[in-house]
Structure formats: C-alpha cells, structure tokens
Amino acid sequence: MIGPRKDTPKPLKRESKGLSPVKFYEEVNESFLSSLQEVSRNGREIIYNCPWCEERYGPNEKRFYPKLYYNPAKQVGYCFRCNTVMVIKSDGLSSLSEGELPISPSLGEIKKSIGPINNLNLALPIENDKKKALSYMLKRSPYLVEILSEKPFEFYQANFGNGLLGVVFPFKVEGEIWSYQVRFFREDGGEPETRYETRPGIKVPYHPYGISFGEVEAITLVEGVFGTFGILYLEKNIEIFSEEVESLGISVESFRLALKNPIATLGYGISESVLWAIKSMAPLHVVIAMDEKRLSEQARNIIIENVTSVERVDILNIGDPDDFAKSLYSNLRER
C-alpha cells in the first residue's frame, strides 16, 4: 500500500522527551500488517512502506516511504520518517500502556543504559580555562586552526591531577549532552598511559556540531572524533579534488553535502545504537571513510542492508581522515 489509509485509528500525540523524536503511536490489529507494502527484510526486522508518513510529514514525488521498521518478536514497529510507533494489539486488546510504550528497540536500550548529562562538571573535572586543550589540539592537528576560526565546535578542558589533562568532546543529540570522549594529554608533553576514554554504556555517535533527528541529504561516516575534523577540513578544500570526485559520477557540490555532516561511529563497526541514529537521519547519500578500505567496505554492506533511505554509497579511500587532513594542510602551506 502506498499512501495513508482512511480507516487507520486516530493517533495519540506524545511529547518528545530526551533522545526521542516520537510524537505519535498507533495501535493496530495484526491483520493490519497484511495491508502494508513490504519493502524488504533485514534479519530481525521487516521494513514496510509507512501508511502514515504522507498525512503527517507531507508527500514526496515517489509517494514511497520505506521507513517503517517492524520487529515481529516484540510486535512493535517504528517509522524513522514520521516518528510513529506501531503497536500490535493482542486479541484486539492493547498490549502496552502509554507509559510502557517502547520508542524503538535500540533507543529503549540507550535509555536504560545511559541518560542525558545535565551538568558535565559533575561528571568530569572541567576547568574554566581551556587554553592548554586548544594548544594540544592545534599541535596534534594543525589544520584545526582553520576549522575553529570559521565555525568553532564545542570542547572543554579537564584536569585529572598529576599533570594529566584532557580535551573533552561532548556528544550532543537534539541539544542535550548524551555522552562524551576525553582525549588525554600530559602537561609535560609526555605520552599518557591511556589515549582516550568514552563514557561507558551504549555508543552514541559523534558530530562536531551535534546530531539532530530528521531527514538529511547526506552524511559521512568515520571511525573516530578527530576523523570528523579531518572530513570538515577536506570539505573546505574539496575543489582541489574536483576531477576525482566527478569521476565517481557525482558533482562536487553533492559530495560536499556529505562532507559537511561527518559522523563518528566510535570504532570500525557500526553498533545498533549508531545504526538507529543513522536511520533516524534518513540520508539519501552516505560517504564512508574508515581508516582502512576493508572496514569501509564492511560498513557499506551494513548501511545498504539496513538503511532503506540510502540511494548511493561511496567509499572515500584516504586512510585516517585526520592524518589525510594534516598532510593536506602541510602541503597547502608549502605552496
């Protein structure tokens, strides 16, 4: 079925809380599933063309909204476009109360594992001054001087005592801090025993300017935090590589859109929580720039199999994006 059903029940509106973008839920009988257009299956989930998208989010040219992910085991579906939860009634009766309503399988796990950080100062020894953190970042990745001067991203400085400091990167989702990563460095210039530490719990992806739910045109996936900075620097200088980009059959401006939205998966794998966030953004184009080509190829397969909004995936084979940006910055300075 393509387009809204006239006989679907009136939705119950809900307010958005925390990470959740959910505003509606629908209780339907199991027989209702047979009226839906099945798009594909990916292991535990069936993906349907959503019957509510058009009336709530507006039509698109194709009138095709393959964003309704249904988990038969849990009898719960979630649309990543119109933010609707579909709950299957058991013998015609509601199986869940409003308070028990799961938002989505991965988000439910996130909310059990972690919560938003209302005050970062209570979690880490944050200092008011962050000059040493800035100095460390510029020494490590000199190209950041251009990124920070044009569009600064948020960071803090933490002091753990005995000469051990850290640059703290907050992971923001819808304006709230849900995680962080500390990049350690020593005041005397020595190597710290631990390079970095991320808040324990389910992974939350990192974007230098925060993640917002809703449809985006394109994103770029990288492994780590500094990889996102490298992609931002590449975006600034993408015209240098216009021939290489256009040889892929895509315009420089279209490729630039992906580079403007770098997302760190925090590792070479893509966890369920990170995949959930990517589904929520519903990108049409994904560029993958993991540190190794084989890891990018693995990520590409996961994206193609699980994110139905994606129409194109490109692999950017540049190695570690941070190292690439440092080399590019050095070469441009020597000209």
C-alpha atoms as a PDB file:
ATOM      1  CA  MET A   1       0.000   0.000   0.000  1.00  0.00           C
ATOM      2  CA  ILE A   2       1.344   3.455  -0.912  1.00  0.00           C
ATOM      3  CA  GLY A   3      -0.241   6.404   0.852  1.00  0.00           C
ATOM      4  CA  PRO A   4      -2.349   6.826   4.005  1.00  0.00           C
ATOM      5  CA  ARG A   5      -5.195   4.528   4.961  1.00  0.00           C
ATOM      6  CA  LYS A   6      -8.564   6.121   5.577  1.00  0.00           C
ATOM      7  CA  ASP A   7      -9.531   3.563   8.211  1.00  0.00           C
ATOM      8  CA  THR A   8      -6.470   3.853  10.440  1.00  0.00           C
ATOM      9  CA  PRO A   9      -7.161   4.884  14.039  1.00  0.00           C
ATOM     10  CA  LYS A  10      -6.676   8.422  15.226  1.00  0.00           C
ATOM     11  CA  PRO A  11      -3.127   8.751  16.571  1.00  0.00           C
ATOM     12  CA  LEU A  12      -2.310   9.623  20.156  1.00  0.00           C
ATOM     13  CA  LYS A  13       0.107  12.557  20.307  1.00  0.00           C
ATOM     14  CA  ARG A  14       3.085  12.368  22.631  1.00  0.00           C
ATOM     15  CA  GLU A  15       5.645  14.955  23.592  1.00  0.00           C
ATOM     16  CA  SER A  16       9.275  14.466  22.623  1.00  0.00           C
ATOM     17  CA  LYS A  17      11.480  13.514  25.598  1.00  0.00           C
ATOM     18  CA  GLY A  18      15.245  13.314  25.639  1.00  0.00           C
ATOM     19  CA  LEU A  19      16.609  11.435  22.677  1.00  0.00           C
ATOM     20  CA  SER A  20      13.155  10.523  21.459  1.00  0.00           C
ATOM     21  CA  PRO A  21      11.705  12.237  18.378  1.00  0.00           C
ATOM     22  CA  VAL A  22       8.459  10.239  18.754  1.00  0.00           C
ATOM     23  CA  LYS A  23       5.200  12.181  18.567  1.00  0.00           C
ATOM     24  CA  PHE A  24       2.610   9.539  17.651  1.00  0.00           C
ATOM     25  CA  TYR A  25       1.742   5.925  18.212  1.00  0.00           C
ATOM     26  CA  GLU A  26      -0.771   3.675  16.549  1.00  0.00           C
ATOM     27  CA  GLU A  27      -2.429   0.554  17.980  1.00  0.00           C
ATOM     28  CA  VAL A  28      -3.467  -1.839  15.205  1.00  0.00           C
ATOM     29  CA  ASN A  29      -4.615  -5.434  14.837  1.00  0.00           C
ATOM     30  CA  GLU A  30      -2.150  -7.970  13.466  1.00  0.00           C
ATOM     31  CA  SER A  31      -4.309  -8.324  10.345  1.00  0.00           C
ATOM     32  CA  PHE A  32      -3.466  -4.694   9.545  1.00  0.00           C
ATOM     33  CA  LEU A  33       0.061  -5.807   8.593  1.00  0.00           C
ATOM     34  CA  SER A  34      -1.257  -7.680   5.557  1.00  0.00           C
ATOM     35  CA  SER A  35      -2.472  -4.380   4.085  1.00  0.00           C
ATOM     36  CA  LEU A  36       1.015  -2.860   4.198  1.00  0.00           C
ATOM     37  CA  GLN A  37       3.509  -2.958   1.359  1.00  0.00           C
ATOM     38  CA  GLU A  38       6.566  -4.967   2.427  1.00  0.00           C
ATOM     39  CA  VAL A  39       9.791  -3.439   1.127  1.00  0.00           C
ATOM     40  CA  SER A  40      12.493  -5.749   2.483  1.00  0.00           C
ATOM     41  CA  ARG A  41      13.698  -7.785   5.451  1.00  0.00           C
ATOM     42  CA  ASN A  42      16.945  -7.451   7.391  1.00  0.00           C
ATOM     43  CA  GLY A  43      17.326 -10.183   9.948  1.00  0.00           C
ATOM     44  CA  ARG A  44      15.042  -9.401  12.877  1.00  0.00           C
ATOM     45  CA  GLU A  45      13.002  -6.651  11.191  1.00  0.00           C
ATOM     46  CA  ILE A  46      10.534  -6.274   8.327  1.00  0.00           C
ATOM     47  CA  ILE A  47      10.572  -2.930   6.549  1.00  0.00           C
ATOM     48  CA  TYR A  48       7.232  -1.615   5.321  1.00  0.00           C
ATOM     49  CA  ASN A  49       6.112   1.382   3.302  1.00  0.00           C
ATOM     50  CA  CYS A  50       4.708   3.600   6.068  1.00  0.00           C
ATOM     51  CA  PRO A  51       0.945   4.286   5.759  1.00  0.00           C
ATOM     52  CA  TRP A  52       1.097   7.406   7.970  1.00  0.00           C
ATOM     53  CA  CYS A  53       4.026   9.331   6.508  1.00  0.00           C
ATOM     54  CA  GLU A  54       2.140  11.259   3.848  1.00  0.00           C
ATOM     55  CA  GLU A  55      -0.554  12.668   6.120  1.00  0.00           C
ATOM     56  CA  ARG A  56       1.931  13.685   8.826  1.00  0.00           C
ATOM     57  CA  TYR A  57       5.102  14.625   7.014  1.00  0.00           C
ATOM     58  CA  GLY A  58       3.857  15.576   3.575  1.00  0.00           C
ATOM     59  CA  PRO A  59       4.146  13.723   0.256  1.00  0.00           C
ATOM     60  CA  ASN A  60       7.298  13.143  -1.750  1.00  0.00           C
ATOM     61  CA  GLU A  61       7.459  12.698  -5.514  1.00  0.00           C
ATOM     62  CA  LYS A  62       7.518   8.910  -5.388  1.00  0.00           C
ATOM     63  CA  ARG A  63       4.859   8.614  -2.670  1.00  0.00           C
ATOM     64  CA  PHE A  64       7.078   5.904  -1.228  1.00  0.00           C
ATOM     65  CA  TYR A  65       8.110   5.918   2.438  1.00  0.00           C
ATOM     66  CA  PRO A  66      10.075   2.740   3.275  1.00  0.00           C
ATOM     67  CA  LYS A  67      10.901   3.788   6.832  1.00  0.00           C
ATOM     68  CA  LEU A  68       8.563   1.650   8.961  1.00  0.00           C
ATOM     69  CA  TYR A  69      10.702  -0.982  10.719  1.00  0.00           C
ATOM     70  CA  TYR A  70       8.681  -3.755  12.370  1.00  0.00           C
ATOM     71  CA  ASN A  71      10.053  -6.259  14.898  1.00  0.00           C
ATOM     72  CA  PRO A  72       7.773  -9.365  14.846  1.00  0.00           C
ATOM     73  CA  ALA A  73       9.227 -10.738  18.093  1.00  0.00           C
ATOM     74  CA  LYS A  74       8.369  -7.565  20.020  1.00  0.00           C
ATOM     75  CA  GLN A  75       5.296  -6.741  17.900  1.00  0.00           C
ATOM     76  CA  VAL A  76       6.414  -3.146  17.671  1.00  0.00           C
ATOM     77  CA  GLY A  77       7.171  -1.017  14.622  1.00  0.00           C
ATOM     78  CA  TYR A  78       8.801   2.380  14.297  1.00  0.00           C
ATOM     79  CA  CYS A  79       8.857   4.811  11.362  1.00  0.00           C
ATOM     80  CA  PHE A  80      12.052   6.816  11.106  1.00  0.00           C
ATOM     81  CA  ARG A  81      10.409   9.434   8.879  1.00  0.00           C
ATOM     82  CA  CYS A  82       7.160  10.454  10.598  1.00  0.00           C
ATOM     83  CA  ASN A  83       8.157   9.289  14.113  1.00  0.00           C
ATOM     84  CA  THR A  84       5.255   6.890  14.571  1.00  0.00           C
ATOM     85  CA  VAL A  85       5.317   3.841  16.827  1.00  0.00           C
ATOM     86  CA  MET A  86       3.067   0.988  15.706  1.00  0.00           C
ATOM     87  CA  VAL A  87       1.905  -1.405  18.440  1.00  0.00           C
ATOM     88  CA  ILE A  88       0.135  -4.679  17.646  1.00  0.00           C
ATOM     89  CA  LYS A  89      -2.915  -5.402  19.796  1.00  0.00           C
ATOM     90  CA  SER A  90      -3.135  -8.873  21.297  1.00  0.00           C
ATOM     91  CA  ASP A  91      -6.571 -10.422  20.600  1.00  0.00           C
ATOM     92  CA  GLY A  92      -7.873  -6.968  19.860  1.00  0.00           C
ATOM     93  CA  LEU A  93      -6.612  -5.565  23.158  1.00  0.00           C
ATOM     94  CA  SER A  94      -3.769  -3.136  23.639  1.00  0.00           C
ATOM     95  CA  SER A  95      -0.661  -4.972  24.764  1.00  0.00           C
ATOM     96  CA  LEU A  96       1.039  -1.831  26.077  1.00  0.00           C
ATOM     97  CA  SER A  97       0.004   1.159  28.105  1.00  0.00           C
ATOM     98  CA  GLU A  98       1.166   4.600  27.045  1.00  0.00           C
ATOM     99  CA  GLY A  99       3.739   4.700  29.838  1.00  0.00           C
ATOM    100  CA  GLU A 100       5.212   1.359  28.750  1.00  0.00           C
ATOM    101  CA  LEU A 101       5.313   2.210  25.059  1.00  0.00           C
ATOM    102  CA  PRO A 102       8.734   1.404  23.588  1.00  0.00           C
ATOM    103  CA  ILE A 103      10.116   4.109  21.341  1.00  0.00           C
ATOM    104  CA  SER A 104      12.290   1.799  19.244  1.00  0.00           C
ATOM    105  CA  PRO A 105      14.354  -1.272  20.134  1.00  0.00           C
ATOM    106  CA  SER A 106      17.705   0.490  20.091  1.00  0.00           C
ATOM    107  CA  LEU A 107      16.516   3.669  21.767  1.00  0.00           C
ATOM    108  CA  GLY A 108      14.965   1.663  24.575  1.00  0.00           C
ATOM    109  CA  GLU A 109      18.367   0.131  25.229  1.00  0.00           C
ATOM    110  CA  ILE A 110      20.004   3.555  25.129  1.00  0.00           C
ATOM    111  CA  LYS A 111      17.594   4.987  27.686  1.00  0.00           C
ATOM    112  CA  LYS A 112      18.161   2.025  30.041  1.00  0.00           C
ATOM    113  CA  SER A 113      21.933   2.223  29.706  1.00  0.00           C
ATOM    114  CA  ILE A 114      22.540   5.976  29.831  1.00  0.00           C
ATOM    115  CA  GLY A 115      20.759   9.268  30.336  1.00  0.00           C
ATOM    116  CA  PRO A 116      21.471  12.871  29.389  1.00  0.00           C
ATOM    117  CA  ILE A 117      24.212  14.705  31.268  1.00  0.00           C
ATOM    118  CA  ASN A 118      22.685  17.789  32.819  1.00  0.00           C
ATOM    119  CA  ASN A 119      25.962  19.093  34.213  1.00  0.00           C
ATOM    120  CA  LEU A 120      29.247  17.965  32.672  1.00  0.00           C
ATOM    121  CA  ASN A 121      31.129  19.494  35.614  1.00  0.00           C
ATOM    122  CA  LEU A 122      29.656  16.827  37.890  1.00  0.00           C
ATOM    123  CA  ALA A 123      30.908  14.036  35.636  1.00  0.00           C
ATOM    124  CA  LEU A 124      34.400  15.370  34.910  1.00  0.00           C
ATOM    125  CA  PRO A 125      36.891  17.814  36.492  1.00  0.00           C
ATOM    126  CA  ILE A 126      36.188  20.588  33.971  1.00  0.00           C
ATOM    127  CA  GLU A 127      38.264  23.768  34.158  1.00  0.00           C
ATOM    128  CA  ASN A 128      37.149  27.239  33.103  1.00  0.00           C
ATOM    129  CA  ASP A 129      40.345  27.795  31.119  1.00  0.00           C
ATOM    130  CA  LYS A 130      40.844  25.648  28.023  1.00  0.00           C
ATOM    131  CA  LYS A 131      43.960  27.200  26.507  1.00  0.00           C
ATOM    132  CA  LYS A 132      46.048  24.073  27.115  1.00  0.00           C
ATOM    133  CA  ALA A 133      43.396  21.892  25.477  1.00  0.00           C
ATOM    134  CA  LEU A 134      43.331  24.184  22.455  1.00  0.00           C
ATOM    135  CA  SER A 135      47.138  24.212  22.277  1.00  0.00           C
ATOM    136  CA  TYR A 136      47.221  20.398  22.376  1.00  0.00           C
ATOM    137  CA  MET A 137      44.661  20.081  19.567  1.00  0.00           C
ATOM    138  CA  LEU A 138      46.448  22.585  17.320  1.00  0.00           C
ATOM    139  CA  LYS A 139      49.780  20.884  17.886  1.00  0.00           C
ATOM    140  CA  ARG A 140      48.278  17.483  17.178  1.00  0.00           C
ATOM    141  CA  SER A 141      46.182  18.545  14.170  1.00  0.00           C
ATOM    142  CA  PRO A 142      47.332  21.997  12.947  1.00  0.00           C
ATOM    143  CA  TYR A 143      44.588  22.286  10.308  1.00  0.00           C
ATOM    144  CA  LEU A 144      42.087  22.776  13.146  1.00  0.00           C
ATOM    145  CA  VAL A 145      43.074  26.427  13.310  1.00  0.00           C
ATOM    146  CA  GLU A 146      41.047  26.957  10.125  1.00  0.00           C
ATOM    147  CA  ILE A 147      38.066  24.886  11.283  1.00  0.00           C
ATOM    148  CA  LEU A 148      37.855  26.589  14.679  1.00  0.00           C
ATOM    149  CA  SER A 149      38.265  30.083  13.266  1.00  0.00           C
ATOM    150  CA  GLU A 150      35.398  29.653  10.794  1.00  0.00           C
ATOM    151  CA  LYS A 151      32.922  27.501  12.704  1.00  0.00           C
ATOM    152  CA  PRO A 152      34.021  26.537  16.246  1.00  0.00           C
ATOM    153  CA  PHE A 153      32.824  23.278  17.765  1.00  0.00           C
ATOM    154  CA  GLU A 154      32.347  22.714  21.469  1.00  0.00           C
ATOM    155  CA  PHE A 155      35.124  21.306  23.658  1.00  0.00           C
ATOM    156  CA  TYR A 156      36.303  21.610  27.259  1.00  0.00           C
ATOM    157  CA  GLN A 157      39.458  21.113  29.301  1.00  0.00           C
ATOM    158  CA  ALA A 158      39.594  18.678  32.233  1.00  0.00           C
ATOM    159  CA  ASN A 159      42.340  18.402  34.868  1.00  0.00           C
ATOM    160  CA  PHE A 160      42.804  14.949  36.406  1.00  0.00           C
ATOM    161  CA  GLY A 161      45.779  15.908  38.544  1.00  0.00           C
ATOM    162  CA  ASN A 162      49.473  14.973  38.488  1.00  0.00           C
ATOM    163  CA  GLY A 163      49.930  16.739  35.164  1.00  0.00           C
ATOM    164  CA  LEU A 164      47.268  14.702  33.350  1.00  0.00           C
ATOM    165  CA  LEU A 165      44.830  16.820  31.344  1.00  0.00           C
ATOM    166  CA  GLY A 166      42.169  16.034  28.806  1.00  0.00           C
ATOM    167  CA  VAL A 167      40.246  17.571  25.934  1.00  0.00           C
ATOM    168  CA  VAL A 168      36.569  16.788  26.468  1.00  0.00           C
ATOM    169  CA  PHE A 169      34.284  16.472  23.434  1.00  0.00           C
ATOM    170  CA  PRO A 170      30.562  16.486  24.310  1.00  0.00           C
ATOM    171  CA  PHE A 171      28.315  14.237  22.225  1.00  0.00           C
ATOM    172  CA  LYS A 172      25.139  16.226  21.696  1.00  0.00           C
ATOM    173  CA  VAL A 173      21.837  14.868  20.422  1.00  0.00           C
ATOM    174  CA  GLU A 174      18.969  17.319  19.937  1.00  0.00           C
ATOM    175  CA  GLY A 175      20.853  19.902  22.015  1.00  0.00           C
ATOM    176  CA  GLU A 176      21.459  17.604  25.016  1.00  0.00           C
ATOM    177  CA  ILE A 177      24.765  16.016  26.033  1.00  0.00           C
ATOM    178  CA  TRP A 178      24.342  12.235  25.980  1.00  0.00           C
ATOM    179  CA  SER A 179      27.950  11.156  26.034  1.00  0.00           C
ATOM    180  CA  TYR A 180      31.495  12.446  25.863  1.00  0.00           C
ATOM    181  CA  GLN A 181      35.015  11.443  24.982  1.00  0.00           C
ATOM    182  CA  VAL A 182      38.149  12.570  26.783  1.00  0.00           C
ATOM    183  CA  ARG A 183      41.379  12.760  24.774  1.00  0.00           C
ATOM    184  CA  PHE A 184      44.156  12.650  27.382  1.00  0.00           C
ATOM    185  CA  PHE A 185      47.452  14.538  27.189  1.00  0.00           C
ATOM    186  CA  ARG A 186      50.199  15.325  29.645  1.00  0.00           C
ATOM    187  CA  GLU A 187      51.191  18.839  30.606  1.00  0.00           C
ATOM    188  CA  ASP A 188      54.887  17.961  30.231  1.00  0.00           C
ATOM    189  CA  GLY A 189      54.361  16.666  26.694  1.00  0.00           C
ATOM    190  CA  GLY A 190      54.797  13.011  27.608  1.00  0.00           C
ATOM    191  CA  GLU A 191      52.571  10.183  26.442  1.00  0.00           C
ATOM    192  CA  PRO A 192      49.631   9.360  28.749  1.00  0.00           C
ATOM    193  CA  GLU A 193      49.019   5.722  29.673  1.00  0.00           C
ATOM    194  CA  THR A 194      45.530   5.918  28.141  1.00  0.00           C
ATOM    195  CA  ARG A 195      44.903   7.829  24.915  1.00  0.00           C
ATOM    196  CA  TYR A 196      41.183   8.400  25.311  1.00  0.00           C
ATOM    197  CA  GLU A 197      38.107   7.379  27.266  1.00  0.00           C
ATOM    198  CA  THR A 198      34.459   7.431  26.212  1.00  0.00           C
ATOM    199  CA  ARG A 199      31.508   7.483  28.562  1.00  0.00           C
ATOM    200  CA  PRO A 200      30.572   3.875  29.424  1.00  0.00           C
ATOM    201  CA  GLY A 201      27.359   2.455  28.016  1.00  0.00           C
ATOM    202  CA  ILE A 202      25.774   2.095  24.612  1.00  0.00           C
ATOM    203  CA  LYS A 203      27.544   4.060  21.904  1.00  0.00           C
ATOM    204  CA  VAL A 204      26.217   7.452  20.896  1.00  0.00           C
ATOM    205  CA  PRO A 205      27.625   8.718  17.566  1.00  0.00           C
ATOM    206  CA  TYR A 206      29.557  11.981  17.472  1.00  0.00           C
ATOM    207  CA  HIS A 207      29.023  15.005  15.250  1.00  0.00           C
ATOM    208  CA  PRO A 208      31.164  18.132  15.875  1.00  0.00           C
ATOM    209  CA  TYR A 209      28.066  20.335  15.901  1.00  0.00           C
ATOM    210  CA  GLY A 210      25.609  17.860  17.402  1.00  0.00           C
ATOM    211  CA  ILE A 211      23.120  15.422  15.906  1.00  0.00           C
ATOM    212  CA  SER A 212      19.566  16.457  15.071  1.00  0.00           C
ATOM    213  CA  PHE A 213      16.930  13.967  14.036  1.00  0.00           C
ATOM    214  CA  GLY A 214      15.084  14.420  10.792  1.00  0.00           C
ATOM    215  CA  GLU A 215      15.899  13.872   7.152  1.00  0.00           C
ATOM    216  CA  VAL A 216      19.323  14.992   5.959  1.00  0.00           C
ATOM    217  CA  GLU A 217      20.571  14.849   2.392  1.00  0.00           C
ATOM    218  CA  ALA A 218      23.917  13.159   3.061  1.00  0.00           C
ATOM    219  CA  ILE A 219      26.412  12.132   5.757  1.00  0.00           C
ATOM    220  CA  THR A 220      29.986  10.853   6.005  1.00  0.00           C
ATOM    221  CA  LEU A 221      30.882   8.029   8.401  1.00  0.00           C
ATOM    222  CA  VAL A 222      34.309   7.872  10.050  1.00  0.00           C
ATOM    223  CA  GLU A 223      35.757   5.890  12.946  1.00  0.00           C
ATOM    224  CA  GLY A 224      36.794   8.493  15.498  1.00  0.00           C
ATOM    225  CA  VAL A 225      36.263  12.042  16.751  1.00  0.00           C
ATOM    226  CA  PHE A 226      39.331  13.522  15.068  1.00  0.00           C
ATOM    227  CA  GLY A 227      38.272  11.819  11.844  1.00  0.00           C
ATOM    228  CA  THR A 228      35.225  14.106  11.760  1.00  0.00           C
ATOM    229  CA  PHE A 229      37.513  17.139  11.932  1.00  0.00           C
ATOM    230  CA  GLY A 230      39.592  15.789   9.060  1.00  0.00           C
ATOM    231  CA  ILE A 231      36.446  15.443   6.942  1.00  0.00           C
ATOM    232  CA  LEU A 232      35.461  19.049   7.707  1.00  0.00           C
ATOM    233  CA  TYR A 233      38.874  20.204   6.500  1.00  0.00           C
ATOM    234  CA  LEU A 234      38.551  18.128   3.343  1.00  0.00           C
ATOM    235  CA  GLU A 235      35.170  19.771   2.703  1.00  0.00           C
ATOM    236  CA  LYS A 236      36.855  23.183   2.844  1.00  0.00           C
ATOM    237  CA  ASN A 237      39.262  22.128   0.107  1.00  0.00           C
ATOM    238  CA  ILE A 238      37.196  19.696  -1.939  1.00  0.00           C
ATOM    239  CA  GLU A 239      37.632  21.763  -5.127  1.00  0.00           C
ATOM    240  CA  ILE A 240      41.237  20.570  -5.259  1.00  0.00           C
ATOM    241  CA  PHE A 241      39.921  17.070  -5.853  1.00  0.00           C
ATOM    242  CA  SER A 242      37.103  18.021  -8.230  1.00  0.00           C
ATOM    243  CA  GLU A 243      38.318  15.718 -11.022  1.00  0.00           C
ATOM    244  CA  GLU A 244      38.497  12.715  -8.696  1.00  0.00           C
ATOM    245  CA  VAL A 245      35.042  13.443  -7.312  1.00  0.00           C
ATOM    246  CA  GLU A 246      33.410  13.957 -10.704  1.00  0.00           C
ATOM    247  CA  SER A 247      34.981  10.740 -11.963  1.00  0.00           C
ATOM    248  CA  LEU A 248      32.698   8.981  -9.463  1.00  0.00           C
ATOM    249  CA  GLY A 249      29.700  10.331 -11.359  1.00  0.00           C
ATOM    250  CA  ILE A 250      28.708  12.869  -8.713  1.00  0.00           C
ATOM    251  CA  SER A 251      29.005  16.645  -8.584  1.00  0.00           C
ATOM    252  CA  VAL A 252      31.397  18.375  -6.203  1.00  0.00           C
ATOM    253  CA  GLU A 253      28.516  20.188  -4.505  1.00  0.00           C
ATOM    254  CA  SER A 254      26.619  16.950  -3.898  1.00  0.00           C
ATOM    255  CA  PHE A 255      29.753  15.363  -2.440  1.00  0.00           C
ATOM    256  CA  ARG A 256      30.291  18.444  -0.289  1.00  0.00           C
ATOM    257  CA  LEU A 257      26.896  17.936   1.358  1.00  0.00           C
ATOM    258  CA  ALA A 258      28.079  14.596   2.739  1.00  0.00           C
ATOM    259  CA  LEU A 259      31.375  16.015   3.975  1.00  0.00           C
ATOM    260  CA  LYS A 260      29.542  18.758   5.881  1.00  0.00           C
ATOM    261  CA  ASN A 261      27.888  16.083   8.048  1.00  0.00           C
ATOM    262  CA  PRO A 262      30.669  13.873   9.462  1.00  0.00           C
ATOM    263  CA  ILE A 263      29.526  11.219  11.940  1.00  0.00           C
ATOM    264  CA  ALA A 264      31.945   9.227  14.113  1.00  0.00           C
ATOM    265  CA  THR A 265      30.795   5.654  14.731  1.00  0.00           C
ATOM    266  CA  LEU A 266      33.397   5.268  17.516  1.00  0.00           C
ATOM    267  CA  GLY A 267      35.067   2.196  16.098  1.00  0.00           C
ATOM    268  CA  TYR A 268      35.309   0.326  12.840  1.00  0.00           C
ATOM    269  CA  GLY A 269      31.996  -1.426  13.482  1.00  0.00           C
ATOM    270  CA  ILE A 270      28.515   0.104  13.437  1.00  0.00           C
ATOM    271  CA  SER A 271      26.631  -0.673  16.649  1.00  0.00           C
ATOM    272  CA  GLU A 272      22.840  -0.969  16.784  1.00  0.00           C
ATOM    273  CA  SER A 273      22.511   2.366  18.587  1.00  0.00           C
ATOM    274  CA  VAL A 274      24.654   4.139  15.975  1.00  0.00           C
ATOM    275  CA  LEU A 275      22.670   2.427  13.213  1.00  0.00           C
ATOM    276  CA  TRP A 276      19.457   3.631  14.854  1.00  0.00           C
ATOM    277  CA  ALA A 277      20.748   7.221  14.756  1.00  0.00           C
ATOM    278  CA  ILE A 278      21.667   6.885  11.073  1.00  0.00           C
ATOM    279  CA  LYS A 279      18.199   5.521  10.282  1.00  0.00           C
ATOM    280  CA  SER A 280      16.678   8.494  12.111  1.00  0.00           C
ATOM    281  CA  MET A 281      18.581  10.911   9.885  1.00  0.00           C
ATOM    282  CA  ALA A 282      17.397   9.005   6.787  1.00  0.00           C
ATOM    283  CA  PRO A 283      20.230  10.098   4.456  1.00  0.00           C
ATOM    284  CA  LEU A 284      19.993   9.584   0.715  1.00  0.00           C
ATOM    285  CA  HIS A 285      23.772   9.606   0.218  1.00  0.00           C
ATOM    286  CA  VAL A 286      26.399   8.094   2.543  1.00  0.00           C
ATOM    287  CA  VAL A 287      30.148   8.513   2.161  1.00  0.00           C
ATOM    288  CA  ILE A 288      32.247   6.092   4.214  1.00  0.00           C
ATOM    289  CA  ALA A 289      35.811   6.991   5.208  1.00  0.00           C
ATOM    290  CA  MET A 290      37.040   4.426   7.715  1.00  0.00           C
ATOM    291  CA  ASP A 291      40.777   4.182   8.387  1.00  0.00           C
ATOM    292  CA  GLU A 292      41.059   1.046   6.227  1.00  0.00           C
ATOM    293  CA  LYS A 293      39.312   0.249   2.943  1.00  0.00           C
ATOM    294  CA  ARG A 294      38.139  -3.196   4.094  1.00  0.00           C
ATOM    295  CA  LEU A 295      36.447  -1.585   7.109  1.00  0.00           C
ATOM    296  CA  SER A 296      34.738   0.913   4.826  1.00  0.00           C
ATOM    297  CA  GLU A 297      33.502  -1.974   2.683  1.00  0.00           C
ATOM    298  CA  GLN A 298      32.095  -3.740   5.750  1.00  0.00           C
ATOM    299  CA  ALA A 299      30.324  -0.550   6.832  1.00  0.00           C
ATOM    300  CA  ARG A 300      28.961  -0.078   3.318  1.00  0.00           C
ATOM    301  CA  ASN A 301      27.359  -3.531   3.405  1.00  0.00           C
ATOM    302  CA  ILE A 302      25.716  -2.779   6.761  1.00  0.00           C
ATOM    303  CA  ILE A 303      24.325   0.535   5.519  1.00  0.00           C
ATOM    304  CA  ILE A 304      22.984  -0.921   2.266  1.00  0.00           C
ATOM    305  CA  GLU A 305      21.312  -3.790   4.121  1.00  0.00           C
ATOM    306  CA  ASN A 306      19.755  -1.755   6.939  1.00  0.00           C
ATOM    307  CA  VAL A 307      19.128   1.853   5.883  1.00  0.00           C
ATOM    308  CA  THR A 308      16.434   1.886   3.224  1.00  0.00           C
ATOM    309  CA  SER A 309      16.563   5.655   2.626  1.00  0.00           C
ATOM    310  CA  VAL A 310      20.052   5.382   1.112  1.00  0.00           C
ATOM    311  CA  GLU A 311      20.233   5.685  -2.657  1.00  0.00           C
ATOM    312  CA  ARG A 312      24.008   5.967  -3.016  1.00  0.00           C
ATOM    313  CA  VAL A 313      27.074   4.873  -1.013  1.00  0.00           C
ATOM    314  CA  ASP A 314      30.636   5.972  -1.806  1.00  0.00           C
ATOM    315  CA  ILE A 315      33.878   4.857  -0.193  1.00  0.00           C
ATOM    316  CA  LEU A 316      36.465   7.565   0.366  1.00  0.00           C
ATOM    317  CA  ASN A 317      39.765   5.691   0.374  1.00  0.00           C
ATOM    318  CA  ILE A 318      42.036   8.236   2.080  1.00  0.00           C
ATOM    319  CA  GLY A 319      43.105   6.290   5.169  1.00  0.00           C
ATOM    320  CA  ASP A 320      42.691   8.045   8.510  1.00  0.00           C
ATOM    321  CA  PRO A 321      40.873  11.325   7.651  1.00  0.00           C
ATOM    322  CA  ASP A 322      42.744  13.182  10.391  1.00  0.00           C
ATOM    323  CA  ASP A 323      46.138  12.102   9.001  1.00  0.00           C
ATOM    324  CA  PHE A 324      44.974  12.966   5.495  1.00  0.00           C
ATOM    325  CA  ALA A 325      43.931  16.448   6.606  1.00  0.00           C
ATOM    326  CA  LYS A 326      47.247  17.036   8.369  1.00  0.00           C
ATOM    327  CA  SER A 327      49.132  16.081   5.223  1.00  0.00           C
ATOM    328  CA  LEU A 328      46.877  18.230   3.045  1.00  0.00           C
ATOM    329  CA  TYR A 329      47.282  21.215   5.368  1.00  0.00           C
ATOM    330  CA  SER A 330      51.071  20.844   5.316  1.00  0.00           C
ATOM    331  CA  ASN A 331      51.164  20.600   1.507  1.00  0.00           C
ATOM    332  CA  LEU A 332      48.941  23.658   1.065  1.00  0.00           C
ATOM    333  CA  ARG A 333      51.113  25.670   3.457  1.00  0.00           C
ATOM    334  CA  GLU A 334      54.224  24.848   1.428  1.00  0.00           C
ATOM    335  CA  ARG A 335      52.764  26.150  -1.830  1.00  0.00           C
END
